[in-house]
C-alpha atoms as a PDB file:
ATOM      1  CA  MET A   1       0.205  22.574 -10.123  1.00  0.00           C
ATOM      2  CA  ARG A   2       2.640  20.019 -11.194  1.00  0.00           C
ATOM      3  CA  SER A   3       5.264  21.279  -8.821  1.00  0.00           C
ATOM      4  CA  LEU A   4       2.703  20.944  -5.916  1.00  0.00           C
ATOM      5  CA  ALA A   5       1.627  17.377  -7.145  1.00  0.00           C
ATOM      6  CA  LYS A   6       5.308  16.351  -7.046  1.00  0.00           C
ATOM      7  CA  ILE A   7       5.813  17.559  -3.540  1.00  0.00           C
ATOM      8  CA  SER A   8       2.478  15.934  -2.557  1.00  0.00           C
ATOM      9  CA  LEU A   9       3.588  12.736  -4.199  1.00  0.00           C
ATOM     10  CA  LEU A  10       6.762  12.655  -2.105  1.00  0.00           C
ATOM     11  CA  LEU A  11       4.697  13.151   1.030  1.00  0.00           C
ATOM     12  CA  VAL A  12       2.332  10.369   0.159  1.00  0.00           C
ATOM     13  CA  ILE A  13       5.184   8.007  -0.433  1.00  0.00           C
ATOM     14  CA  ILE A  14       6.377   8.778   3.095  1.00  0.00           C
ATOM     15  CA  LEU A  15       2.852   8.450   4.586  1.00  0.00           C
ATOM     16  CA  VAL A  16       2.332   5.054   2.841  1.00  0.00           C
ATOM     17  CA  SER A  17       5.542   3.803   4.459  1.00  0.00           C
ATOM     18  CA  LEU A  18       4.794   5.292   7.847  1.00  0.00           C
ATOM     19  CA  SER A  19       1.237   3.938   7.891  1.00  0.00           C
ATOM     20  CA  ALA A  20       2.591   0.442   6.967  1.00  0.00           C
ATOM     21  CA  TYR A  21       5.100   0.645   9.884  1.00  0.00           C
ATOM     22  CA  LEU A  22       2.509   1.926  12.434  1.00  0.00           C
ATOM     23  CA  ARG A  23      -0.043  -0.728  11.357  1.00  0.00           C
ATOM     24  CA  LEU A  24       2.498  -3.655  11.423  1.00  0.00           C
ATOM     25  CA  ALA A  25       4.183  -2.445  14.603  1.00  0.00           C
ATOM     26  CA  HIS A  26       0.753  -2.113  16.498  1.00  0.00           C
ATOM     27  CA  SER A  27      -0.252  -5.566  15.326  1.00  0.00           C
ATOM     28  CA  GLY A  28       2.780  -7.064  17.000  1.00  0.00           C
ATOM     29  CA  ILE A  29       5.497  -7.207  14.421  1.00  0.00           C
ATOM     30  CA  GLY A  30       8.839  -6.244  15.925  1.00  0.00           C
ATOM     31  CA  CYS A  31       7.979  -7.172  19.586  1.00  0.00           C
ATOM     32  CA  ALA A  32      10.489  -9.013  21.624  1.00  0.00           C
ATOM     33  CA  ASP A  33       8.877 -12.496  21.292  1.00  0.00           C
ATOM     34  CA  TRP A  34       7.967 -12.221  17.593  1.00  0.00           C
ATOM     35  CA  PRO A  35       6.326 -14.018  15.828  1.00  0.00           C
ATOM     36  CA  ALA A  36       4.565 -15.344  18.900  1.00  0.00           C
ATOM     37  CA  CYS A  37       2.957 -11.974  19.711  1.00  0.00           C
ATOM     38  CA  TYR A  38       1.694 -11.277  16.177  1.00  0.00           C
ATOM     39  CA  GLY A  39      -1.907 -10.276  16.261  1.00  0.00           C
ATOM     40  CA  ARG A  40      -1.770  -8.776  19.687  1.00  0.00           C
ATOM     41  CA  ILE A  41      -4.423  -6.243  18.929  1.00  0.00           C
ATOM     42  CA  GLY A  42      -6.595  -6.036  22.043  1.00  0.00           C
ATOM     43  CA  ASP A  43      -6.084  -4.716  25.600  1.00  0.00           C
ATOM     44  CA  ALA A  44      -3.392  -6.270  27.712  1.00  0.00           C
ATOM     45  CA  PRO A  45      -4.653  -8.655  30.512  1.00  0.00           C
ATOM     46  CA  ALA A  46      -5.795  -7.066  33.732  1.00  0.00           C
ATOM     47  CA  VAL A  47      -3.024  -6.832  36.342  1.00  0.00           C
ATOM     48  CA  THR A  48      -4.123  -7.877  39.878  1.00  0.00           C
ATOM     49  CA  GLN A  49      -0.957  -6.584  41.718  1.00  0.00           C
ATOM     50  CA  THR A  50      -0.652  -2.975  42.663  1.00  0.00           C
ATOM     51  CA  ILE A  51       1.713  -1.037  40.392  1.00  0.00           C
ATOM     52  CA  PRO A  52       3.218   2.176  41.826  1.00  0.00           C
ATOM     53  CA  ALA A  53       2.016   5.289  39.857  1.00  0.00           C
ATOM     54  CA  GLU A  54       4.696   6.752  37.589  1.00  0.00           C
ATOM     55  CA  ASP A  55       5.265  10.548  37.551  1.00  0.00           C
ATOM     56  CA  ALA A  56       5.080  12.764  34.555  1.00  0.00           C
ATOM     57  CA  TYR A  57       8.899  12.561  33.925  1.00  0.00           C
ATOM     58  CA  GLN A  58       9.016   8.813  34.063  1.00  0.00           C
ATOM     59  CA  LYS A  59       5.994   8.518  31.614  1.00  0.00           C
ATOM     60  CA  LEU A  60       7.795  10.909  29.226  1.00  0.00           C
ATOM     61  CA  VAL A  61      11.007   8.862  29.350  1.00  0.00           C
ATOM     62  CA  ARG A  62       9.016   5.612  28.809  1.00  0.00           C
ATOM     63  CA  GLU A  63       7.055   6.823  25.963  1.00  0.00           C
ATOM     64  CA  SER A  64      10.169   8.409  24.328  1.00  0.00           C
ATOM     65  CA  ASN A  65      11.909   4.956  24.405  1.00  0.00           C
ATOM     66  CA  GLU A  66       8.857   3.185  22.654  1.00  0.00           C
ATOM     67  CA  PRO A  67       9.444   2.117  19.046  1.00  0.00           C
ATOM     68  CA  LEU A  68       6.447   4.287  17.880  1.00  0.00           C
ATOM     69  CA  SER A  69       7.516   7.414  19.666  1.00  0.00           C
ATOM     70  CA  TRP A  70       8.930   8.954  16.496  1.00  0.00           C
ATOM     71  CA  ALA A  71       6.686   7.401  13.849  1.00  0.00           C
ATOM     72  CA  THR A  72       3.282   8.660  15.149  1.00  0.00           C
ATOM     73  CA  PRO A  73       4.084  12.324  15.352  1.00  0.00           C
ATOM     74  CA  LEU A  74       6.016  12.202  12.099  1.00  0.00           C
ATOM     75  CA  HIS A  75       2.919  10.686  10.544  1.00  0.00           C
ATOM     76  CA  ARG A  76       0.643  13.282  11.812  1.00  0.00           C
ATOM     77  CA  LEU A  77       3.045  16.127  10.702  1.00  0.00           C
ATOM     78  CA  VAL A  78       3.371  14.783   7.121  1.00  0.00           C
ATOM     79  CA  ALA A  79      -0.282  14.269   6.907  1.00  0.00           C
ATOM     80  CA  SER A  80      -1.132  17.761   8.051  1.00  0.00           C
ATOM     81  CA  VAL A  81       1.408  19.345   5.446  1.00  0.00           C
ATOM     82  CA  LEU A  82      -0.097  17.051   2.768  1.00  0.00           C
ATOM     83  CA  GLY A  83      -3.650  18.190   3.731  1.00  0.00           C
ATOM     84  CA  LEU A  84      -2.697  21.868   3.277  1.00  0.00           C
ATOM     85  CA  LEU A  85      -1.122  21.174  -0.070  1.00  0.00           C
ATOM     86  CA  VAL A  86      -4.214  19.471  -1.302  1.00  0.00           C
ATOM     87  CA  VAL A  87      -6.470  22.255  -0.280  1.00  0.00           C
ATOM     88  CA  PHE A  88      -4.090  24.708  -1.996  1.00  0.00           C
ATOM     89  CA  MET A  89      -4.152  22.617  -5.081  1.00  0.00           C
ATOM     90  CA  ALA A  90      -7.960  22.546  -5.100  1.00  0.00           C
ATOM     91  CA  PHE A  91      -8.092  26.408  -5.062  1.00  0.00           C
ATOM     92  CA  ILE A  92      -5.500  26.655  -7.771  1.00  0.00           C
ATOM     93  CA  SER A  93      -7.417  24.234  -9.920  1.00  0.00           C
ATOM     94  CA  ILE A  94     -10.474  26.465  -9.720  1.00  0.00           C
ATOM     95  CA  ARG A  95      -8.579  29.508 -10.653  1.00  0.00           C
ATOM     96  CA  SER A  96      -6.615  27.860 -13.526  1.00  0.00           C
ATOM     97  CA  LYS A  97      -9.492  25.655 -14.580  1.00  0.00           C
ATOM     98  CA  GLN A  98      -7.010  22.719 -14.796  1.00  0.00           C
ATOM     99  CA  GLN A  99      -6.843  19.327 -13.058  1.00  0.00           C
ATOM    100  CA  ARG A 100     -10.161  20.153 -11.309  1.00  0.00           C
ATOM    101  CA  LEU A 101     -11.499  16.704 -11.113  1.00  0.00           C
ATOM    102  CA  ALA A 102      -8.236  15.171  -9.998  1.00  0.00           C
ATOM    103  CA  SER A 103      -7.745  17.946  -7.439  1.00  0.00           C
ATOM    104  CA  PHE A 104     -11.168  17.563  -5.828  1.00  0.00           C
ATOM    105  CA  THR A 105     -10.776  13.794  -5.852  1.00  0.00           C
ATOM    106  CA  LEU A 106      -7.686  14.301  -3.867  1.00  0.00           C
ATOM    107  CA  LEU A 107      -9.483  16.611  -1.379  1.00  0.00           C
ATOM    108  CA  ALA A 108     -12.285  14.114  -1.036  1.00  0.00           C
ATOM    109  CA  LEU A 109      -9.646  11.348  -0.394  1.00  0.00           C
ATOM    110  CA  THR A 110      -7.839  13.563   2.201  1.00  0.00           C
ATOM    111  CA  ILE A 111     -11.032  14.255   4.088  1.00  0.00           C
ATOM    112  CA  TYR A 112     -11.996  10.573   3.933  1.00  0.00           C
ATOM    113  CA  LEU A 113      -8.687   9.431   5.301  1.00  0.00           C
ATOM    114  CA  ALA A 114      -8.815  12.074   8.191  1.00  0.00           C
ATOM    115  CA  VAL A 115     -12.113  10.891   9.354  1.00  0.00           C
ATOM    116  CA  LEU A 116     -10.959   7.262   9.001  1.00  0.00           C
ATOM    117  CA  GLY A 117      -7.859   8.211  10.911  1.00  0.00           C
ATOM    118  CA  LEU A 118     -10.088   8.630  14.074  1.00  0.00           C
ATOM    119  CA  ARG A 119     -10.666   4.877  13.970  1.00  0.00           C
ATOM    120  CA  SER A 120      -7.214   3.752  12.816  1.00  0.00           C
ATOM    121  CA  GLY A 121      -6.613   2.112  16.240  1.00  0.00           C
ATOM    122  CA  SER A 122      -9.159  -0.501  15.396  1.00  0.00           C
ATOM    123  CA  LEU A 123      -6.734  -3.114  13.954  1.00  0.00           C
ATOM    124  CA  HIS A 124      -9.334  -5.801  14.637  1.00  0.00           C
ATOM    125  CA  ASP A 125     -11.723  -4.087  12.191  1.00  0.00           C
ATOM    126  CA  PRO A 126     -10.670  -5.094   8.558  1.00  0.00           C
ATOM    127  CA  SER A 127     -12.780  -2.393   7.052  1.00  0.00           C
ATOM    128  CA  VAL A 128     -10.663   0.261   8.716  1.00  0.00           C
ATOM    129  CA  VAL A 129      -7.318  -1.299   7.736  1.00  0.00           C
ATOM    130  CA  MET A 130      -8.409  -1.768   4.170  1.00  0.00           C
ATOM    131  CA  GLY A 131     -10.078   1.732   4.056  1.00  0.00           C
ATOM    132  CA  ASN A 132      -6.691   3.383   5.062  1.00  0.00           C
ATOM    133  CA  LEU A 133      -4.700   1.243   2.635  1.00  0.00           C
ATOM    134  CA  ALA A 134      -6.936   1.769  -0.322  1.00  0.00           C
ATOM    135  CA  GLY A 135      -7.274   5.402   0.245  1.00  0.00           C
ATOM    136  CA  GLY A 136      -3.545   5.968   0.651  1.00  0.00           C
ATOM    137  CA  PHE A 137      -2.665   4.037  -2.522  1.00  0.00           C
ATOM    138  CA  SER A 138      -5.428   5.793  -4.404  1.00  0.00           C
ATOM    139  CA  MET A 139      -3.914   9.143  -3.503  1.00  0.00           C
ATOM    140  CA  LEU A 140      -0.445   7.771  -4.549  1.00  0.00           C
ATOM    141  CA  ALA A 141      -1.731   6.701  -7.854  1.00  0.00           C
ATOM    142  CA  LEU A 142      -3.766   9.826  -8.539  1.00  0.00           C
ATOM    143  CA  LEU A 143      -0.900  12.068  -7.710  1.00  0.00           C
ATOM    144  CA  GLY A 144       1.440   9.922  -9.768  1.00  0.00           C
ATOM    145  CA  TRP A 145      -0.914  10.301 -12.771  1.00  0.00           C
ATOM    146  CA  MET A 146      -1.077  14.139 -12.333  1.00  0.00           C
ATOM    147  CA  VAL A 147       2.750  14.275 -12.416  1.00  0.00           C
ATOM    148  CA  PHE A 148       3.352  11.848 -15.165  1.00  0.00           C
ATOM    149  CA  SER A 149       0.404  12.783 -17.504  1.00  0.00           C
ATOM    150  CA  THR A 150       1.593  16.542 -17.727  1.00  0.00           C
ATOM    151  CA  GLY A 151       5.117  15.511 -18.563  1.00  0.00           C
ATOM    152  CA  LYS A 152       6.767  14.121 -21.751  1.00  0.00           C
ATOM    153  CA  ARG A 153       4.798  11.613 -23.740  1.00  0.00           C
ATOM    154  CA  HIS A 154       5.719   9.463 -26.733  1.00  0.00           C
ATOM    155  CA  GLY A 155       2.438   7.744 -27.542  1.00  0.00           C
ATOM    156  CA  GLY A 156       1.974   4.892 -29.987  1.00  0.00           C
ATOM    157  CA  SER A 157       1.770   1.151 -29.453  1.00  0.00           C
ATOM    158  CA  PRO A 158      -1.808   0.456 -28.480  1.00  0.00           C
ATOM    159  CA  ARG A 159      -0.981  -3.118 -27.550  1.00  0.00           C
ATOM    160  CA  ALA A 160       1.777  -2.041 -25.038  1.00  0.00           C
ATOM    161  CA  ARG A 161      -0.552   0.651 -23.650  1.00  0.00           C
ATOM    162  CA  TRP A 162      -3.354  -1.930 -23.000  1.00  0.00           C
ATOM    163  CA  LEU A 163      -0.971  -4.417 -21.534  1.00  0.00           C
ATOM    164  CA  THR A 164       0.334  -1.730 -19.197  1.00  0.00           C
ATOM    165  CA  LEU A 165      -3.104  -0.784 -18.194  1.00  0.00           C
ATOM    166  CA  THR A 166      -3.853  -4.461 -17.460  1.00  0.00           C
ATOM    167  CA  ALA A 167      -0.576  -4.631 -15.328  1.00  0.00           C
ATOM    168  CA  VAL A 168      -1.864  -1.560 -13.336  1.00  0.00           C
ATOM    169  CA  ALA A 169      -5.112  -3.232 -12.759  1.00  0.00           C
ATOM    170  CA  VAL A 170      -3.540  -6.608 -11.741  1.00  0.00           C
ATOM    171  CA  LEU A 171      -1.056  -4.973  -9.445  1.00  0.00           C
ATOM    172  CA  SER A 172      -3.745  -2.731  -7.721  1.00  0.00           C
ATOM    173  CA  ILE A 173      -5.772  -6.098  -6.986  1.00  0.00           C
ATOM    174  CA  GLN A 174      -2.583  -7.644  -5.638  1.00  0.00           C
ATOM    175  CA  ILE A 175      -2.005  -4.604  -3.342  1.00  0.00           C
ATOM    176  CA  LEU A 176      -5.558  -5.091  -1.924  1.00  0.00           C
ATOM    177  CA  LEU A 177      -4.962  -8.760  -1.427  1.00  0.00           C
ATOM    178  CA  GLY A 178      -1.731  -7.829   0.549  1.00  0.00           C
ATOM    179  CA  GLY A 179      -3.879  -5.344   2.618  1.00  0.00           C
ATOM    180  CA  LEU A 180      -6.281  -8.261   3.346  1.00  0.00           C
ATOM    181  CA  THR A 181      -3.522 -10.544   4.282  1.00  0.00           C
ATOM    182  CA  SER A 182      -2.339  -7.902   6.832  1.00  0.00           C
ATOM    183  CA  ALA A 183      -5.880  -7.207   7.946  1.00  0.00           C
ATOM    184  CA  ASN A 184      -6.467 -10.808   8.717  1.00  0.00           C
ATOM    185  CA  PHE A 185      -2.959 -11.236  10.463  1.00  0.00           C
ATOM    186  CA  ALA A 186      -2.210 -13.952   7.981  1.00  0.00           C
ATOM    187  CA  ALA A 187       1.384 -12.886   6.861  1.00  0.00           C
ATOM    188  CA  THR A 188       2.869 -15.779   8.739  1.00  0.00           C
ATOM    189  CA  SER A 189       0.146 -18.317   8.486  1.00  0.00           C
ATOM    190  CA  CYS A 190       2.055 -20.061   5.446  1.00  0.00           C
ATOM    191  CA  GLN A 191       5.592 -20.859   6.304  1.00  0.00           C
ATOM    192  CA  THR A 192       6.521 -23.267   3.662  1.00  0.00           C
ATOM    193  CA  LEU A 193       7.553 -22.654   0.056  1.00  0.00           C
ATOM    194  CA  PRO A 194       6.495 -22.810  -2.653  1.00  0.00           C
ATOM    195  CA  ASP A 195       3.227 -24.448  -1.463  1.00  0.00           C
ATOM    196  CA  CYS A 196       1.451 -23.520   1.696  1.00  0.00           C
ATOM    197  CA  HIS A 197       1.692 -26.690   3.975  1.00  0.00           C
ATOM    198  CA  GLY A 198       1.083 -28.936   1.016  1.00  0.00           C
ATOM    199  CA  SER A 199      -1.795 -26.834  -0.644  1.00  0.00           C
ATOM    200  CA  TRP A 200      -1.974 -24.195  -3.276  1.00  0.00           C
ATOM    201  CA  TRP A 201      -5.751 -23.236  -3.668  1.00  0.00           C
ATOM    202  CA  PRO A 202      -7.434 -20.825  -1.254  1.00  0.00           C
ATOM    203  CA  GLY A 203     -10.725 -22.732  -0.954  1.00  0.00           C
ATOM    204  CA  ASN A 204     -14.074 -21.633   0.303  1.00  0.00           C
ATOM    205  CA  ALA A 205     -12.491 -20.050   3.402  1.00  0.00           C
ATOM    206  CA  LEU A 206     -11.418 -17.113   1.199  1.00  0.00           C
ATOM    207  CA  MET A 207     -14.891 -15.651   1.331  1.00  0.00           C
ATOM    208  CA  THR A 208     -14.520 -15.235   5.023  1.00  0.00           C
ATOM    209  CA  ALA A 209     -11.296 -13.359   4.660  1.00  0.00           C
ATOM    210  CA  LEU A 210     -12.802 -11.062   2.016  1.00  0.00           C
ATOM    211  CA  ASP A 211     -15.701 -10.137   4.458  1.00  0.00           C
ATOM    212  CA  LEU A 212     -14.870  -6.698   5.659  1.00  0.00           C
ATOM    213  CA  THR A 213     -17.909  -6.417   7.886  1.00  0.00           C
ATOM    214  CA  ARG A 214     -16.638  -8.856  10.525  1.00  0.00           C
ATOM    215  CA  LYS A 215     -14.351  -8.040  13.403  1.00  0.00           C
ATOM    216  CA  HIS A 216     -11.639 -10.288  14.800  1.00  0.00           C
ATOM    217  CA  GLU A 217     -12.310 -12.157  17.988  1.00  0.00           C
ATOM    218  CA  VAL A 218      -9.727 -11.366  20.640  1.00  0.00           C
ATOM    219  CA  THR A 219      -8.516 -13.508  23.585  1.00  0.00           C
ATOM    220  CA  SER A 220      -8.163 -12.092  27.020  1.00  0.00           C
ATOM    221  CA  SER A 221      -4.494 -11.629  26.443  1.00  0.00           C
ATOM    222  CA  GLY A 222      -5.024  -9.522  23.343  1.00  0.00           C
ATOM    223  CA  GLN A 223      -4.399 -12.291  20.744  1.00  0.00           C
ATOM    224  CA  ALA A 224      -6.388 -12.189  17.565  1.00  0.00           C
ATOM    225  CA  ILE A 225      -8.198 -15.353  16.826  1.00  0.00           C
ATOM    226  CA  GLY A 226      -8.256 -16.751  13.290  1.00  0.00           C
ATOM    227  CA  GLY A 227      -8.971 -19.848  11.302  1.00  0.00           C
ATOM    228  CA  ASN A 228      -8.632 -21.252   7.855  1.00  0.00           C
ATOM    229  CA  GLU A 229      -9.414 -17.777   6.228  1.00  0.00           C
ATOM    230  CA  ARG A 230      -5.920 -16.859   7.091  1.00  0.00           C
ATOM    231  CA  LEU A 231      -4.390 -19.689   5.073  1.00  0.00           C
ATOM    232  CA  ALA A 232      -6.863 -18.858   2.321  1.00  0.00           C
ATOM    233  CA  ILE A 233      -6.042 -15.193   1.973  1.00  0.00           C
ATOM    234  CA  HIS A 234      -2.289 -15.887   2.185  1.00  0.00           C
ATOM    235  CA  LYS A 235      -2.591 -18.459  -0.661  1.00  0.00           C
ATOM    236  CA  ALA A 236      -4.580 -15.929  -2.652  1.00  0.00           C
ATOM    237  CA  HIS A 237      -1.803 -13.334  -2.154  1.00  0.00           C
ATOM    238  CA  ARG A 238       0.823 -15.850  -3.224  1.00  0.00           C
ATOM    239  CA  LEU A 239      -1.072 -16.729  -6.389  1.00  0.00           C
ATOM    240  CA  GLY A 240      -1.659 -13.073  -7.128  1.00  0.00           C
ATOM    241  CA  SER A 241       2.167 -12.335  -6.808  1.00  0.00           C
ATOM    242  CA  ILE A 242       2.868 -14.922  -9.534  1.00  0.00           C
ATOM    243  CA  LEU A 243       0.162 -13.541 -11.714  1.00  0.00           C
ATOM    244  CA  SER A 244       1.411 -10.050 -11.140  1.00  0.00           C
ATOM    245  CA  LEU A 245       4.937 -10.956 -11.956  1.00  0.00           C
ATOM    246  CA  ILE A 246       4.094 -12.478 -15.211  1.00  0.00           C
ATOM    247  CA  VAL A 247       1.652  -9.786 -16.494  1.00  0.00           C
ATOM    248  CA  ILE A 248       4.114  -6.916 -15.413  1.00  0.00           C
ATOM    249  CA  VAL A 249       7.034  -8.503 -17.083  1.00  0.00           C
ATOM    250  CA  ILE A 250       5.030  -9.199 -20.286  1.00  0.00           C
ATOM    251  CA  ALA A 251       3.800  -5.436 -20.286  1.00  0.00           C
ATOM    252  CA  ALA A 252       7.377  -4.154 -19.802  1.00  0.00           C
ATOM    253  CA  LEU A 253       8.783  -6.357 -22.542  1.00  0.00           C
ATOM    254  CA  ALA A 254       5.954  -5.277 -24.814  1.00  0.00           C
ATOM    255  CA  ALA A 255       6.914  -1.669 -24.420  1.00  0.00           C
ATOM    256  CA  LEU A 256      10.578  -2.490 -24.706  1.00  0.00           C
ATOM    257  CA  ARG A 257       9.995  -4.121 -28.159  1.00  0.00           C
ATOM    258  CA  ALA A 258       7.639  -1.323 -29.215  1.00  0.00           C
ATOM    259  CA  ASP A 259      10.031   1.490 -28.949  1.00  0.00           C
ATOM    260  CA  PRO A 260      13.651   1.979 -27.531  1.00  0.00           C
ATOM    261  CA  ALA A 261      12.331   5.241 -25.954  1.00  0.00           C
ATOM    262  CA  TYR A 262      10.695   2.974 -23.312  1.00  0.00           C
ATOM    263  CA  ARG A 263      13.903   1.074 -22.568  1.00  0.00           C
ATOM    264  CA  ALA A 264      14.825   2.720 -19.274  1.00  0.00           C
ATOM    265  CA  ILE A 265      11.469   2.585 -17.641  1.00  0.00           C
ATOM    266  CA  ALA A 266      10.910  -0.938 -18.835  1.00  0.00           C
ATOM    267  CA  ILE A 267      14.184  -2.139 -17.328  1.00  0.00           C
ATOM    268  CA  VAL A 268      13.186  -0.314 -14.029  1.00  0.00           C
ATOM    269  CA  ILE A 269       9.991  -2.081 -13.969  1.00  0.00           C
ATOM    270  CA  VAL A 270      11.348  -5.552 -14.492  1.00  0.00           C
ATOM    271  CA  ALA A 271      13.921  -4.788 -11.755  1.00  0.00           C
ATOM    272  CA  LEU A 272      11.279  -3.542  -9.326  1.00  0.00           C
ATOM    273  CA  VAL A 273       8.732  -6.451  -9.839  1.00  0.00           C
ATOM    274  CA  ALA A 274      11.624  -9.034  -9.441  1.00  0.00           C
ATOM    275  CA  PHE A 275      12.854  -7.313  -6.239  1.00  0.00           C
ATOM    276  CA  GLU A 276       9.327  -7.004  -4.900  1.00  0.00           C
ATOM    277  CA  PHE A 277       8.771 -10.812  -5.454  1.00  0.00           C
ATOM    278  CA  LEU A 278      12.202 -11.595  -3.892  1.00  0.00           C
ATOM    279  CA  ILE A 279      11.322  -9.416  -0.751  1.00  0.00           C
ATOM    280  CA  GLY A 280       8.022 -11.421  -0.374  1.00  0.00           C
ATOM    281  CA  VAL A 281       9.946 -14.765  -0.497  1.00  0.00           C
ATOM    282  CA  THR A 282      12.559 -13.508   1.881  1.00  0.00           C
ATOM    283  CA  ALA A 283      10.065 -12.241   4.390  1.00  0.00           C
ATOM    284  CA  ILE A 284       8.571 -15.753   4.673  1.00  0.00           C
ATOM    285  CA  LEU A 285      11.760 -17.442   4.980  1.00  0.00           C
ATOM    286  CA  ALA A 286      12.904 -14.897   7.645  1.00  0.00           C
ATOM    287  CA  SER A 287       9.684 -15.023   9.727  1.00  0.00           C
ATOM    288  CA  LEU A 288       8.503 -11.653   8.434  1.00  0.00           C
ATOM    289  CA  PRO A 289      10.846  -9.003  10.188  1.00  0.00           C
ATOM    290  CA  ILE A 290       9.131  -5.635  10.331  1.00  0.00           C
ATOM    291  CA  GLY A 291      11.897  -4.054   7.952  1.00  0.00           C
ATOM    292  CA  LEU A 292      10.987  -6.549   5.142  1.00  0.00           C
ATOM    293  CA  ALA A 293       7.321  -6.149   5.817  1.00  0.00           C
ATOM    294  CA  VAL A 294       7.480  -2.280   5.383  1.00  0.00           C
ATOM    295  CA  ALA A 295       9.733  -2.627   2.361  1.00  0.00           C
ATOM    296  CA  HIS A 296       7.339  -4.950   0.752  1.00  0.00           C
ATOM    297  CA  ASN A 297       4.667  -2.350   1.029  1.00  0.00           C
ATOM    298  CA  TRP A 298       6.944   0.421  -0.075  1.00  0.00           C
ATOM    299  CA  PHE A 299       8.083  -1.143  -3.287  1.00  0.00           C
ATOM    300  CA  ALA A 300       4.519  -2.053  -4.231  1.00  0.00           C
ATOM    301  CA  GLY A 301       3.830   1.621  -4.139  1.00  0.00           C
ATOM    302  CA  ILE A 302       7.032   2.466  -6.251  1.00  0.00           C
ATOM    303  CA  LEU A 303       6.168  -0.281  -8.714  1.00  0.00           C
ATOM    304  CA  LEU A 304       2.652   1.117  -9.193  1.00  0.00           C
ATOM    305  CA  LEU A 305       4.154   4.570  -9.906  1.00  0.00           C
ATOM    306  CA  ALA A 306       6.632   3.079 -12.345  1.00  0.00           C
ATOM    307  CA  LEU A 307       3.820   1.399 -14.302  1.00  0.00           C
ATOM    308  CA  LEU A 308       1.754   4.634 -14.279  1.00  0.00           C
ATOM    309  CA  LYS A 309       4.823   6.443 -15.752  1.00  0.00           C
ATOM    310  CA  LEU A 310       4.988   3.914 -18.523  1.00  0.00           C
ATOM    311  CA  LEU A 311       1.279   4.250 -19.210  1.00  0.00           C
ATOM    312  CA  ALA A 312       1.649   8.104 -19.378  1.00  0.00           C
ATOM    313  CA  LEU A 313       4.593   7.644 -21.830  1.00  0.00           C
ATOM    314  CA  LEU A 314       2.490   5.342 -23.911  1.00  0.00           C
ATOM    315  CA  THR A 315      -0.486   7.741 -24.015  1.00  0.00           C
ATOM    316  CA  ASN A 316      -0.717   9.819 -26.982  1.00  0.00           C
ATOM    317  CA  PRO A 317      -0.085  13.562 -26.412  1.00  0.00           C
ATOM    318  CA  PRO A 318      -3.239  15.907 -26.620  1.00  0.00           C
ATOM    319  CA  GLY A 319      -1.980  17.514 -29.812  1.00  0.00           C
ATOM    320  CA  GLN A 320      -1.491  14.074 -31.416  1.00  0.00           C
ATOM    321  CA  LEU A 321      -5.064  13.120 -30.393  1.00  0.00           C
ATOM    322  CA  VAL A 322      -6.428  16.224 -31.956  1.00  0.00           C
ATOM    323  CA  ALA A 323      -4.467  15.490 -35.243  1.00  0.00           C
ATOM    324  CA  VAL A 324      -5.822  11.897 -35.341  1.00  0.00           C
ATOM    325  CA  ALA A 325      -9.380  13.073 -34.710  1.00  0.00           C
ATOM    326  CA  SER A 326      -9.180  15.783 -37.586  1.00  0.00           C
ATOM    327  CA  ASP A 327      -7.885  12.987 -39.789  1.00  0.00           C
END
């Protein structure tokens, strides 16, 4: 079961990166006139002139040269293999009577994401974007915990454990805020640092950005229409990044002081959160190139896994829990 969970975790990491690339590329990042075309999520304007029909060979050549020609089939292939592994893990959990809750939760998430994938082209629907992101990161976290919780544990230091759990919660909220920033096409709405065009606080417009029931209005040229809610969600994501940086560093230092056994993972966590913060700042200064945007998403997932690894190490082994209970 642990070996299958490790392979599945690797596939989910690949899927999270591919999903981010597909979502951002479809939304306009990486186009020739970027960032002017960011938010081009609708249909192209109607063409009045007559265009000669292309034959099958010309169509194949054109599609093979498109930026997404490799990402989409690779995403589908990895998702299909992952789905089979998750089904296999569910059957094994029934026979072995181990990890049944986690395995069937994974199966439910897989089915949910497969159904949602039929609507994944609806980038103007924030609920679809957020549903894909939340489902993908939930699978990442669950598989990570299945792998780490069945490995080596040290236990001890309740304070460090609770601080790490708090850091996981804060980072999870920050990841969701990042998804909302992407869903609202707000990544480039604030182009000044450290403030956002003279302001820091999101304001009342944040409630509009948090509304997942609405759909973006689109111009005739396919440009997403937005207002102050874009500035608000971007500011909220910036404030969340500062809070996440502080909480995660405190949790890592607490673990480092508690026991030298946590030294390596604590240093890795500090390095990851610092690098993630640096990528976010650089992305703003560089007008959000797609490479940095995908890297920002990817490092968030790796940082979440590192915190879960630390949390698993801080959790008392089952034998120790029994001993404590008997005392």
